[in-house]
């Protein structure tokens, strides 16, 4: 089963701080909705751009997308999974 990485972009000098805070809410949502996934994270693209992300099974994507409105998404690869653990 494919996994999808849902991404929220944050821009500006506080982007890292905001992305880290957003990840807290993503983790809360996972618990609230009893999702099987437990993969979330923050990536710093540069000083003015950071992302928060959540990985979901493809079948859960529409539920999460409609509720949390990510900016974009991409297929989550096993190599990415190994990098984040």
Protein backbone atom coordinates (compact mmCIF):
# COMPACT_ATOMS: atom_id res chain seq x y z
CA UNK A 1 0.00 0.00 0.00
CA UNK A 2 1.34 3.42 -0.95
CA UNK A 3 2.01 6.06 1.64
CA UNK A 4 1.63 9.75 0.93
CA UNK A 5 3.50 12.63 2.51
CA UNK A 6 1.15 15.56 3.11
CA UNK A 7 3.05 18.84 3.35
CA UNK A 8 2.37 22.23 4.91
CA UNK A 9 4.75 25.02 3.84
CA UNK A 10 5.72 27.92 6.08
CA UNK A 11 7.65 30.98 4.93
CA UNK A 12 9.41 33.81 6.70
CA UNK A 13 11.94 34.21 9.50
CA UNK A 14 9.72 32.26 11.95
CA UNK A 15 9.00 29.39 9.56
CA UNK A 16 10.98 26.82 11.56
CA UNK A 17 9.21 27.70 14.81
CA UNK A 18 5.79 27.64 13.13
CA UNK A 19 6.47 24.30 11.42
CA UNK A 20 7.51 22.72 14.72
CA UNK A 21 4.34 24.02 16.36
CA UNK A 22 2.21 22.72 13.49
CA UNK A 23 3.75 19.27 13.92
CA UNK A 24 2.38 19.20 17.48
CA UNK A 25 -1.13 19.67 16.07
CA UNK A 26 -0.53 16.95 13.46
CA UNK A 27 0.39 14.51 16.23
CA UNK A 28 -2.72 15.51 18.17
CA UNK A 29 -4.86 14.88 15.08
CA UNK A 30 -3.33 11.40 14.65
CA UNK A 31 -4.35 10.51 18.20
CA UNK A 32 -7.79 12.11 17.91
CA UNK A 33 -8.63 10.27 14.68
CA UNK A 34 -6.92 7.00 15.71
CA UNK A 35 -4.82 6.97 12.54
CA UNK A 36 -2.38 4.11 12.11
CA UNK A 37 0.38 6.43 10.99
CA UNK A 38 2.89 7.89 13.39
CA UNK A 39 5.23 9.57 10.94
CA UNK A 40 5.42 13.34 11.19
CA UNK A 41 8.28 15.75 10.94
CA UNK A 42 9.73 19.11 10.15
CA UNK A 43 12.23 19.88 7.41
CA UNK A 44 14.14 23.13 7.12
CA UNK A 45 14.44 24.05 3.45
CA UNK A 46 16.32 27.32 4.10
CA UNK A 47 16.29 30.22 6.56
CA UNK A 48 12.94 31.43 5.26
CA UNK A 49 11.16 28.17 4.32
CA UNK A 50 10.29 25.17 6.48
CA UNK A 51 7.75 22.39 6.13
CA UNK A 52 5.75 20.24 8.51
CA UNK A 53 4.59 16.89 7.18
CA UNK A 54 2.49 13.85 7.99
CA UNK A 55 2.63 10.50 6.25
CA UNK A 56 -0.66 8.68 5.70
CA UNK A 57 -1.83 5.59 3.88
CA UNK A 58 -3.27 6.43 0.49
CA UNK A 59 -6.74 5.32 1.62
CA UNK A 60 -6.68 7.90 4.45
CA UNK A 61 -5.48 10.78 2.29
CA UNK A 62 -8.89 12.28 1.45
CA UNK A 63 -10.02 12.31 5.09
CA UNK A 64 -6.85 14.05 6.25
CA UNK A 65 -6.64 16.35 3.22
CA UNK A 66 -10.20 17.59 3.66
CA UNK A 67 -9.79 18.10 7.41
CA UNK A 68 -6.30 19.64 7.54
CA UNK A 69 -5.85 21.22 4.09
CA UNK A 70 -2.18 20.52 3.32
CA UNK A 71 -0.54 22.70 0.68
CA UNK A 72 0.72 19.73 -1.33
CA UNK A 73 1.60 16.05 -1.22
CA UNK A 74 3.91 13.47 -2.71
CA UNK A 75 4.47 9.74 -2.64
CA UNK A 76 6.45 8.74 0.46
CA UNK A 77 9.32 6.39 -0.35
CA UNK A 78 11.00 3.76 1.82
CA UNK A 79 14.31 5.61 1.50
CA UNK A 80 12.68 8.68 3.04
CA UNK A 81 11.26 6.53 5.82
CA UNK A 82 14.73 5.20 6.68
CA UNK A 83 16.14 8.75 6.65
CA UNK A 84 13.54 9.98 9.16
CA UNK A 85 13.84 7.14 11.69
